[in-house]
Amino acid sequence: MSTTATQSHSAKTERHDSHPYAGMWVTADGYIRHELLSNGRYDEARGKRQSAYQGRYRVTGNHIDYVDDTGFTADGEFRDGVLHHAGMVLYREDKRD
């Protein structure tokens, strides 16, 4: 890989890693959990079923588009620190040490 390509790749990775919406988003009851990974992938758990859905996502402004690994698409919107997605409301998980 050329130096230019390496620098370009690093810059893209750095920008994506610091995306403000990356992290865990959960419904108030904790049943649905979306982990938005810094590499543009997501992992959704439902109840006790880990990795119920996986795929990729793309955020444009406050809008998020999902494409799961089977090709199913969905979208959502971040409003006032809350993720509204497919009739669900998800809140950023507060990670405490």
Foldseek 3Di string as FASTA:
>chain_A
DDPVVVVVVVVVLVVLQPDPPAAWWAFPVRQWIWGQHSVQKIAIHGHPRGRPWIFGWDDDPQKIWTQTPVGDIWIWGQDPQWIQTPNTIIHGDDDDD
